[in-house]
N, C-alpha and C. Protein backbone atom coordinates (compact mmCIF):
# COMPACT_ATOMS: atom_id res chain seq x y z
N MET A 1 147.48 188.18 99.25
CA MET A 1 147.43 187.67 100.60
C MET A 1 147.77 186.19 100.58
N SER A 2 148.58 185.78 101.49
CA SER A 2 149.02 184.39 101.56
C SER A 2 148.06 183.58 102.42
N ALA A 3 147.57 182.48 101.86
CA ALA A 3 146.68 181.60 102.62
C ALA A 3 147.46 180.81 103.67
N THR A 4 148.81 180.79 103.52
CA THR A 4 149.62 180.03 104.45
C THR A 4 150.11 180.87 105.62
N ALA A 5 149.84 182.18 105.61
CA ALA A 5 150.25 183.04 106.72
C ALA A 5 149.64 182.51 108.01
N GLN A 6 150.42 182.58 109.09
CA GLN A 6 149.92 182.12 110.39
C GLN A 6 148.83 183.06 110.88
N PRO A 7 147.80 182.50 111.49
CA PRO A 7 146.74 183.36 112.02
C PRO A 7 147.25 184.15 113.23
N VAL A 8 146.77 185.37 113.33
CA VAL A 8 147.08 186.25 114.45
C VAL A 8 145.79 186.42 115.24
N PHE A 9 145.84 186.10 116.53
CA PHE A 9 144.68 186.22 117.41
C PHE A 9 144.82 187.48 118.24
N ARG A 10 143.74 188.25 118.33
CA ARG A 10 143.76 189.46 119.15
C ARG A 10 142.35 189.75 119.64
N THR A 11 142.28 190.59 120.68
CA THR A 11 140.99 191.01 121.20
C THR A 11 140.43 192.11 120.32
N ALA A 12 139.16 192.00 119.98
CA ALA A 12 138.50 192.99 119.12
C ALA A 12 138.38 194.34 119.82
N THR A 13 138.38 195.37 119.00
CA THR A 13 138.12 196.73 119.46
C THR A 13 136.85 197.23 118.77
N GLU A 14 136.37 198.36 119.20
CA GLU A 14 135.17 198.93 118.59
C GLU A 14 135.38 199.19 117.10
N ALA A 15 136.60 199.47 116.68
CA ALA A 15 136.89 199.72 115.26
C ALA A 15 136.68 198.47 114.41
N ASP A 16 136.69 197.30 115.03
CA ASP A 16 136.51 196.04 114.30
C ASP A 16 135.05 195.70 114.02
N VAL A 17 134.11 196.40 114.62
CA VAL A 17 132.70 196.01 114.53
C VAL A 17 132.22 195.85 113.09
N PRO A 18 132.43 196.80 112.18
CA PRO A 18 131.92 196.60 110.82
C PRO A 18 132.47 195.34 110.15
N ALA A 19 133.76 195.09 110.29
CA ALA A 19 134.36 193.90 109.68
C ALA A 19 133.83 192.63 110.32
N LEU A 20 133.60 192.64 111.63
CA LEU A 20 133.09 191.45 112.32
C LEU A 20 131.65 191.15 111.92
N VAL A 21 130.82 192.17 111.84
CA VAL A 21 129.43 191.95 111.42
C VAL A 21 129.41 191.37 110.01
N ALA A 22 130.20 191.94 109.11
CA ALA A 22 130.25 191.44 107.74
C ALA A 22 130.73 189.98 107.70
N LEU A 23 131.74 189.66 108.49
CA LEU A 23 132.26 188.29 108.53
C LEU A 23 131.21 187.32 109.04
N ILE A 24 130.57 187.64 110.15
CA ILE A 24 129.57 186.75 110.75
C ILE A 24 128.40 186.54 109.78
N GLU A 25 127.94 187.62 109.18
CA GLU A 25 126.84 187.51 108.21
C GLU A 25 127.23 186.63 107.03
N SER A 26 128.46 186.82 106.53
CA SER A 26 128.90 186.06 105.34
C SER A 26 129.04 184.58 105.64
N ALA A 27 129.32 184.22 106.88
CA ALA A 27 129.52 182.81 107.23
C ALA A 27 128.21 182.07 107.48
N TYR A 28 127.14 182.79 107.80
CA TYR A 28 125.91 182.13 108.20
C TYR A 28 124.70 182.39 107.31
N ARG A 29 124.60 183.55 106.74
CA ARG A 29 123.36 183.93 106.05
C ARG A 29 123.63 184.40 104.63
N GLY A 30 122.58 184.29 103.82
CA GLY A 30 122.64 184.79 102.46
C GLY A 30 123.45 183.89 101.53
N GLU A 31 123.53 184.31 100.28
CA GLU A 31 124.21 183.52 99.26
C GLU A 31 125.69 183.34 99.53
N SER A 32 126.34 184.36 100.08
CA SER A 32 127.78 184.24 100.33
C SER A 32 128.09 183.10 101.29
N SER A 33 127.17 182.81 102.21
CA SER A 33 127.41 181.75 103.19
C SER A 33 127.45 180.37 102.54
N ARG A 34 126.87 180.24 101.37
CA ARG A 34 126.83 178.95 100.69
C ARG A 34 128.21 178.55 100.14
N GLY A 35 129.17 179.49 100.18
CA GLY A 35 130.53 179.18 99.76
C GLY A 35 131.27 178.34 100.79
N GLY A 36 130.74 178.22 101.99
CA GLY A 36 131.33 177.39 103.05
C GLY A 36 130.34 176.33 103.46
N TRP A 37 130.66 175.61 104.51
CA TRP A 37 129.77 174.53 104.93
C TRP A 37 128.98 174.87 106.18
N THR A 38 129.17 176.06 106.77
CA THR A 38 128.48 176.40 108.02
C THR A 38 127.22 177.22 107.81
N THR A 39 126.75 177.33 106.60
CA THR A 39 125.59 178.17 106.30
C THR A 39 124.34 177.76 107.09
N GLU A 40 123.59 178.76 107.47
CA GLU A 40 122.26 178.56 108.05
C GLU A 40 121.19 179.07 107.10
N ALA A 41 121.59 179.37 105.85
CA ALA A 41 120.71 180.04 104.89
C ALA A 41 119.41 179.28 104.64
N ASP A 42 119.41 177.96 104.75
CA ASP A 42 118.18 177.21 104.54
C ASP A 42 117.30 177.16 105.78
N LEU A 43 117.87 177.50 106.94
CA LEU A 43 117.11 177.48 108.19
C LEU A 43 116.59 178.85 108.58
N LEU A 44 117.39 179.88 108.28
CA LEU A 44 117.07 181.23 108.72
C LEU A 44 117.39 182.25 107.63
N LYS A 45 116.53 183.21 107.48
CA LYS A 45 116.79 184.34 106.59
C LYS A 45 117.03 185.55 107.49
N GLY A 46 117.45 186.66 106.88
CA GLY A 46 117.66 187.88 107.66
C GLY A 46 119.03 187.89 108.31
N ARG A 47 119.16 188.71 109.31
CA ARG A 47 120.45 188.94 109.96
C ARG A 47 120.80 187.87 110.98
N ARG A 48 122.09 187.66 111.15
CA ARG A 48 122.61 186.77 112.20
C ARG A 48 122.98 187.60 113.42
N THR A 49 123.47 188.82 113.16
CA THR A 49 123.83 189.74 114.23
C THR A 49 123.75 191.15 113.69
N ASP A 50 124.09 192.11 114.51
CA ASP A 50 124.10 193.51 114.08
C ASP A 50 125.22 194.22 114.83
N PRO A 51 125.53 195.45 114.41
CA PRO A 51 126.63 196.17 115.08
C PRO A 51 126.43 196.31 116.58
N GLU A 52 125.19 196.53 117.02
CA GLU A 52 124.93 196.70 118.44
C GLU A 52 125.24 195.42 119.22
N GLY A 53 124.89 194.27 118.64
CA GLY A 53 125.16 193.00 119.30
C GLY A 53 126.64 192.71 119.44
N VAL A 54 127.40 192.99 118.38
CA VAL A 54 128.85 192.77 118.43
C VAL A 54 129.50 193.75 119.40
N LEU A 55 129.06 195.00 119.35
CA LEU A 55 129.60 196.02 120.25
C LEU A 55 129.33 195.66 121.71
N ALA A 56 128.16 195.11 121.98
CA ALA A 56 127.83 194.70 123.35
C ALA A 56 128.79 193.62 123.85
N VAL A 57 129.15 192.69 122.98
CA VAL A 57 130.10 191.64 123.37
C VAL A 57 131.46 192.26 123.67
N ILE A 58 131.89 193.18 122.84
CA ILE A 58 133.19 193.84 123.03
C ILE A 58 133.24 194.60 124.35
N ARG A 59 132.15 195.26 124.69
CA ARG A 59 132.13 196.13 125.88
C ARG A 59 131.80 195.40 127.19
N ARG A 60 131.16 194.23 127.09
CA ARG A 60 130.67 193.54 128.30
C ARG A 60 131.81 193.01 129.15
N GLU A 61 131.73 193.28 130.43
CA GLU A 61 132.71 192.75 131.38
C GLU A 61 132.62 191.23 131.39
N GLY A 62 133.77 190.56 131.43
CA GLY A 62 133.81 189.11 131.42
C GLY A 62 133.58 188.51 130.05
N SER A 63 133.67 189.35 129.04
CA SER A 63 133.45 188.90 127.67
C SER A 63 134.65 189.30 126.82
N ARG A 64 134.92 188.49 125.81
CA ARG A 64 136.03 188.79 124.91
C ARG A 64 135.62 188.39 123.50
N MET A 65 135.73 189.32 122.57
CA MET A 65 135.50 189.03 121.16
C MET A 65 136.88 188.87 120.55
N VAL A 66 137.15 187.70 120.00
CA VAL A 66 138.45 187.39 119.44
C VAL A 66 138.40 187.59 117.92
N VAL A 67 139.37 188.33 117.41
CA VAL A 67 139.53 188.54 115.98
C VAL A 67 140.72 187.70 115.53
N VAL A 68 140.54 187.02 114.41
CA VAL A 68 141.64 186.24 113.83
C VAL A 68 141.95 186.83 112.46
N GLU A 69 143.20 187.24 112.31
CA GLU A 69 143.63 187.81 111.03
C GLU A 69 144.65 186.88 110.40
N ARG A 70 144.62 186.84 109.10
CA ARG A 70 145.61 186.09 108.33
C ARG A 70 146.02 186.99 107.18
N GLY A 71 147.29 187.31 107.11
CA GLY A 71 147.76 188.19 106.05
C GLY A 71 147.11 189.55 106.08
N GLY A 72 146.76 190.03 107.27
CA GLY A 72 146.14 191.35 107.42
C GLY A 72 144.64 191.38 107.19
N GLU A 73 144.03 190.23 106.86
CA GLU A 73 142.59 190.16 106.60
C GLU A 73 141.89 189.49 107.78
N VAL A 74 140.76 190.05 108.20
CA VAL A 74 139.94 189.42 109.24
C VAL A 74 139.31 188.18 108.62
N THR A 75 139.71 187.01 109.12
CA THR A 75 139.24 185.76 108.51
C THR A 75 138.38 184.92 109.45
N ALA A 76 138.41 185.20 110.74
CA ALA A 76 137.62 184.42 111.69
C ALA A 76 137.41 185.22 112.96
N CYS A 77 136.44 184.76 113.77
CA CYS A 77 136.20 185.41 115.05
C CYS A 77 135.43 184.45 115.95
N CYS A 78 135.41 184.77 117.22
CA CYS A 78 134.57 184.06 118.16
C CYS A 78 134.38 184.93 119.40
N GLN A 79 133.33 184.62 120.13
CA GLN A 79 133.02 185.27 121.38
C GLN A 79 133.33 184.30 122.51
N LEU A 80 133.94 184.80 123.56
CA LEU A 80 134.12 184.04 124.79
C LEU A 80 133.48 184.84 125.91
N GLU A 81 132.75 184.16 126.75
CA GLU A 81 132.13 184.83 127.90
C GLU A 81 132.43 184.02 129.14
N ARG A 82 132.91 184.71 130.15
CA ARG A 82 133.24 184.07 131.42
C ARG A 82 131.97 183.98 132.26
N ARG A 83 131.63 182.75 132.62
CA ARG A 83 130.44 182.51 133.42
C ARG A 83 130.83 181.72 134.65
N GLU A 84 129.87 181.49 135.52
CA GLU A 84 130.13 180.77 136.77
C GLU A 84 130.65 179.36 136.50
N GLY A 85 131.95 179.13 136.70
CA GLY A 85 132.55 177.81 136.56
C GLY A 85 132.81 177.33 135.14
N HIS A 86 132.41 178.10 134.16
CA HIS A 86 132.64 177.69 132.78
C HIS A 86 132.78 178.92 131.88
N ALA A 87 133.14 178.66 130.63
CA ALA A 87 133.17 179.72 129.62
C ALA A 87 132.14 179.37 128.56
N TYR A 88 131.59 180.40 127.94
CA TYR A 88 130.62 180.22 126.86
C TYR A 88 131.30 180.63 125.55
N PHE A 89 131.12 179.83 124.52
CA PHE A 89 131.70 180.05 123.20
C PHE A 89 130.57 180.36 122.22
N GLY A 90 130.69 181.45 121.49
CA GLY A 90 129.65 181.82 120.53
C GLY A 90 130.18 182.72 119.43
N MET A 91 129.28 183.20 118.60
CA MET A 91 129.59 184.08 117.46
C MET A 91 130.82 183.61 116.69
N PHE A 92 130.92 182.32 116.50
CA PHE A 92 132.05 181.70 115.83
C PHE A 92 131.84 181.79 114.32
N ALA A 93 132.78 182.37 113.64
CA ALA A 93 132.65 182.50 112.18
C ALA A 93 134.03 182.40 111.53
N VAL A 94 134.06 181.71 110.39
CA VAL A 94 135.24 181.64 109.54
C VAL A 94 134.78 182.06 108.15
N ARG A 95 135.53 182.95 107.51
CA ARG A 95 135.18 183.40 106.16
C ARG A 95 134.91 182.17 105.29
N PRO A 96 133.77 182.14 104.56
CA PRO A 96 133.38 180.94 103.81
C PRO A 96 134.48 180.36 102.91
N GLN A 97 135.21 181.19 102.21
CA GLN A 97 136.25 180.67 101.32
C GLN A 97 137.47 180.13 102.07
N ARG A 98 137.52 180.32 103.39
CA ARG A 98 138.61 179.78 104.23
C ARG A 98 138.18 178.56 105.04
N GLN A 99 136.89 178.20 104.95
CA GLN A 99 136.39 177.05 105.70
C GLN A 99 136.94 175.75 105.10
N GLY A 100 137.12 174.77 105.97
CA GLY A 100 137.58 173.47 105.53
C GLY A 100 139.09 173.33 105.48
N GLY A 101 139.83 174.38 105.86
CA GLY A 101 141.28 174.33 105.81
C GLY A 101 141.96 174.22 107.16
N GLY A 102 141.19 174.03 108.22
CA GLY A 102 141.78 173.87 109.55
C GLY A 102 141.79 175.11 110.41
N LEU A 103 141.42 176.27 109.85
CA LEU A 103 141.43 177.50 110.65
C LEU A 103 140.42 177.43 111.79
N GLY A 104 139.24 176.89 111.54
CA GLY A 104 138.23 176.77 112.59
C GLY A 104 138.73 175.94 113.77
N LYS A 105 139.44 174.85 113.49
CA LYS A 105 140.01 174.02 114.55
C LYS A 105 140.99 174.83 115.38
N GLN A 106 141.80 175.66 114.71
CA GLN A 106 142.77 176.49 115.42
C GLN A 106 142.07 177.52 116.31
N VAL A 107 141.02 178.13 115.80
CA VAL A 107 140.28 179.14 116.57
C VAL A 107 139.66 178.49 117.81
N LEU A 108 139.02 177.35 117.62
CA LEU A 108 138.39 176.66 118.75
C LEU A 108 139.43 176.25 119.79
N ALA A 109 140.56 175.72 119.34
CA ALA A 109 141.63 175.31 120.26
C ALA A 109 142.18 176.50 121.04
N GLU A 110 142.35 177.63 120.37
CA GLU A 110 142.84 178.83 121.05
C GLU A 110 141.81 179.34 122.05
N ALA A 111 140.54 179.31 121.70
CA ALA A 111 139.47 179.73 122.62
C ALA A 111 139.47 178.84 123.86
N GLU A 112 139.62 177.54 123.67
CA GLU A 112 139.66 176.61 124.81
C GLU A 112 140.89 176.88 125.67
N ARG A 113 142.03 177.09 125.03
CA ARG A 113 143.26 177.37 125.78
C ARG A 113 143.10 178.63 126.61
N PHE A 114 142.57 179.68 126.01
CA PHE A 114 142.38 180.94 126.73
C PHE A 114 141.44 180.74 127.91
N ALA A 115 140.30 180.11 127.68
CA ALA A 115 139.32 179.91 128.75
C ALA A 115 139.92 179.10 129.90
N ARG A 116 140.67 178.06 129.57
CA ARG A 116 141.28 177.19 130.59
C ARG A 116 142.42 177.90 131.32
N ASP A 117 143.36 178.50 130.56
CA ASP A 117 144.58 179.04 131.15
C ASP A 117 144.41 180.44 131.74
N GLU A 118 143.65 181.28 131.09
CA GLU A 118 143.50 182.67 131.54
C GLU A 118 142.34 182.84 132.52
N TRP A 119 141.23 182.16 132.27
CA TRP A 119 140.06 182.30 133.12
C TRP A 119 139.90 181.14 134.09
N ARG A 120 140.72 180.10 133.96
CA ARG A 120 140.64 178.91 134.80
C ARG A 120 139.27 178.23 134.71
N ALA A 121 138.66 178.32 133.55
CA ALA A 121 137.35 177.68 133.32
C ALA A 121 137.55 176.18 133.21
N GLY A 122 136.70 175.42 133.86
CA GLY A 122 136.80 173.97 133.81
C GLY A 122 136.02 173.34 132.67
N GLU A 123 135.19 174.15 132.03
CA GLU A 123 134.34 173.62 130.98
C GLU A 123 134.01 174.71 129.98
N MET A 124 133.87 174.33 128.71
CA MET A 124 133.39 175.24 127.67
C MET A 124 131.99 174.79 127.32
N GLN A 125 131.08 175.76 127.18
CA GLN A 125 129.71 175.47 126.78
C GLN A 125 129.36 176.30 125.56
N MET A 126 128.43 175.78 124.77
CA MET A 126 127.91 176.51 123.62
C MET A 126 126.53 175.98 123.31
N THR A 127 125.78 176.74 122.55
CA THR A 127 124.50 176.25 122.05
C THR A 127 124.55 176.25 120.53
N VAL A 128 123.98 175.22 119.94
CA VAL A 128 123.96 175.04 118.49
C VAL A 128 122.54 174.68 118.09
N ILE A 129 122.07 175.21 116.98
CA ILE A 129 120.75 174.84 116.48
C ILE A 129 120.75 173.33 116.25
N SER A 130 119.83 172.63 116.88
CA SER A 130 119.84 171.16 116.87
C SER A 130 119.69 170.57 115.47
N ALA A 131 119.13 171.32 114.54
CA ALA A 131 119.00 170.84 113.15
C ALA A 131 120.32 170.86 112.40
N ARG A 132 121.36 171.42 113.00
CA ARG A 132 122.68 171.53 112.36
C ARG A 132 123.53 170.30 112.66
N GLY A 133 123.09 169.14 112.20
CA GLY A 133 123.77 167.89 112.48
C GLY A 133 125.23 167.86 112.05
N ASP A 134 125.53 168.46 110.90
CA ASP A 134 126.92 168.48 110.42
C ASP A 134 127.81 169.29 111.35
N LEU A 135 127.30 170.41 111.83
CA LEU A 135 128.08 171.26 112.74
C LEU A 135 128.23 170.59 114.11
N ILE A 136 127.17 170.00 114.60
CA ILE A 136 127.25 169.29 115.89
C ILE A 136 128.27 168.16 115.79
N ALA A 137 128.27 167.42 114.69
CA ALA A 137 129.24 166.33 114.50
C ALA A 137 130.67 166.88 114.49
N TRP A 138 130.88 168.05 113.90
CA TRP A 138 132.21 168.68 113.88
C TRP A 138 132.66 168.96 115.31
N TYR A 139 131.77 169.51 116.13
CA TYR A 139 132.11 169.77 117.54
C TYR A 139 132.34 168.47 118.31
N GLU A 140 131.55 167.46 118.04
CA GLU A 140 131.74 166.17 118.72
C GLU A 140 133.13 165.60 118.41
N ARG A 141 133.59 165.76 117.19
CA ARG A 141 134.93 165.27 116.84
C ARG A 141 136.02 166.03 117.58
N ARG A 142 135.69 167.18 118.14
CA ARG A 142 136.63 167.99 118.91
C ARG A 142 136.40 167.85 120.41
N GLY A 143 135.64 166.83 120.80
CA GLY A 143 135.49 166.52 122.22
C GLY A 143 134.26 167.07 122.90
N TYR A 144 133.39 167.75 122.18
CA TYR A 144 132.16 168.26 122.79
C TYR A 144 131.13 167.14 122.83
N ARG A 145 130.28 167.20 123.84
CA ARG A 145 129.23 166.19 123.92
C ARG A 145 127.87 166.86 123.97
N ARG A 146 126.94 166.19 123.35
CA ARG A 146 125.56 166.66 123.36
C ARG A 146 124.97 166.39 124.75
N THR A 147 124.21 167.33 125.25
CA THR A 147 123.61 167.17 126.57
C THR A 147 122.14 166.79 126.50
N GLY A 148 121.50 167.05 125.37
CA GLY A 148 120.06 166.85 125.27
C GLY A 148 119.27 167.99 125.88
N HIS A 149 119.98 168.96 126.49
CA HIS A 149 119.31 170.13 127.08
C HIS A 149 118.99 171.11 125.96
N MET A 150 117.71 171.33 125.74
CA MET A 150 117.25 172.18 124.64
C MET A 150 116.69 173.50 125.17
N THR A 151 116.92 174.54 124.37
CA THR A 151 116.39 175.87 124.65
C THR A 151 115.58 176.29 123.44
N PRO A 152 114.40 176.86 123.63
CA PRO A 152 113.58 177.25 122.49
C PRO A 152 114.26 178.32 121.63
N PHE A 153 114.04 178.26 120.33
CA PHE A 153 114.50 179.31 119.43
C PHE A 153 113.62 180.54 119.67
N PRO A 154 114.20 181.74 119.65
CA PRO A 154 113.39 182.95 119.91
C PRO A 154 112.56 183.38 118.69
N TYR A 155 111.55 182.57 118.37
CA TYR A 155 110.65 182.92 117.26
C TYR A 155 110.05 184.29 117.51
N GLY A 156 109.97 185.09 116.45
CA GLY A 156 109.41 186.43 116.54
C GLY A 156 110.44 187.51 116.80
N ASP A 157 111.68 187.14 117.13
CA ASP A 157 112.75 188.11 117.35
C ASP A 157 113.62 188.13 116.10
N GLU A 158 113.30 189.04 115.19
CA GLU A 158 114.00 189.08 113.91
C GLU A 158 115.45 189.54 114.02
N ARG A 159 115.88 189.97 115.22
CA ARG A 159 117.29 190.32 115.41
C ARG A 159 118.18 189.09 115.26
N VAL A 160 117.62 187.89 115.43
CA VAL A 160 118.39 186.65 115.29
C VAL A 160 118.01 185.88 114.04
N GLY A 161 117.20 186.48 113.19
CA GLY A 161 116.83 185.85 111.93
C GLY A 161 115.36 185.51 111.84
N VAL A 162 114.96 185.19 110.61
CA VAL A 162 113.58 184.82 110.33
C VAL A 162 113.58 183.32 110.03
N PRO A 163 113.03 182.52 110.95
CA PRO A 163 113.05 181.06 110.78
C PRO A 163 112.30 180.62 109.52
N GLN A 164 112.85 179.61 108.86
CA GLN A 164 112.23 179.02 107.69
C GLN A 164 111.59 177.67 108.03
N ARG A 165 111.69 177.29 109.31
CA ARG A 165 111.12 176.04 109.81
C ARG A 165 110.51 176.31 111.18
N ASP A 166 109.60 175.45 111.59
CA ASP A 166 108.95 175.65 112.90
C ASP A 166 109.49 174.71 113.98
N ASP A 167 110.61 174.03 113.70
CA ASP A 167 111.14 173.06 114.66
C ASP A 167 112.53 173.42 115.18
N LEU A 168 112.89 174.70 115.14
CA LEU A 168 114.23 175.09 115.55
C LEU A 168 114.32 175.22 117.06
N GLU A 169 115.44 174.74 117.59
CA GLU A 169 115.76 174.88 119.01
C GLU A 169 117.27 174.78 119.14
N PHE A 170 117.78 175.20 120.28
CA PHE A 170 119.21 175.15 120.55
C PHE A 170 119.52 173.99 121.48
N GLU A 171 120.63 173.29 121.20
CA GLU A 171 121.09 172.23 122.10
C GLU A 171 122.39 172.69 122.75
N LEU A 172 122.51 172.43 124.04
CA LEU A 172 123.71 172.75 124.78
C LEU A 172 124.76 171.68 124.55
N LEU A 173 125.95 172.09 124.14
CA LEU A 173 127.11 171.20 123.99
C LEU A 173 128.15 171.61 125.02
N VAL A 174 128.85 170.64 125.59
CA VAL A 174 129.84 170.93 126.63
C VAL A 174 131.12 170.12 126.40
N LYS A 175 132.22 170.68 126.91
CA LYS A 175 133.51 169.99 126.88
C LYS A 175 134.28 170.36 128.13
N LYS A 176 134.81 169.35 128.83
CA LYS A 176 135.68 169.59 129.97
C LYS A 176 137.01 170.11 129.46
N LEU A 177 137.55 171.11 130.14
CA LEU A 177 138.80 171.72 129.69
C LEU A 177 140.02 171.30 130.53
N GLY A 178 139.81 170.58 131.60
CA GLY A 178 140.89 170.22 132.50
C GLY A 178 141.75 169.16 132.03
């Protein structure tokens, strides 16, 4: 497989669910996630998502799960959700061994383009665990701003992981798309 092959962006289908779950898990949790820089392994144990969660995104009206392939391999993904006046960006994952090479920037730029041009969204929003300073800084370099608006982490809901700290919360980040 060529690392220089251009990424191909497409909308996920139900057949993509196993590959997407594996990709998301590998980018965020467990030992495999330590091969990249986006790991949450020190903050959360357990699952990041499950087949039902990914399938729900694929099936939900106003939602789009984007698959990014390079050389025939699923290497990245993200979720876009159309909301009132803005788009929501989530479930963003890049295969750990492909992180740091610019693919994430391309995925984010394509997600913003789609939200702006196809959905006419004026703003992109996302939530990031506030303890993820390196990741928040990466988004800030791409024009996102911290809002200071915090949402509690869903402690006790093991579908989103088992917290290893008692100070986790999500911060809302926003970027104007116009």
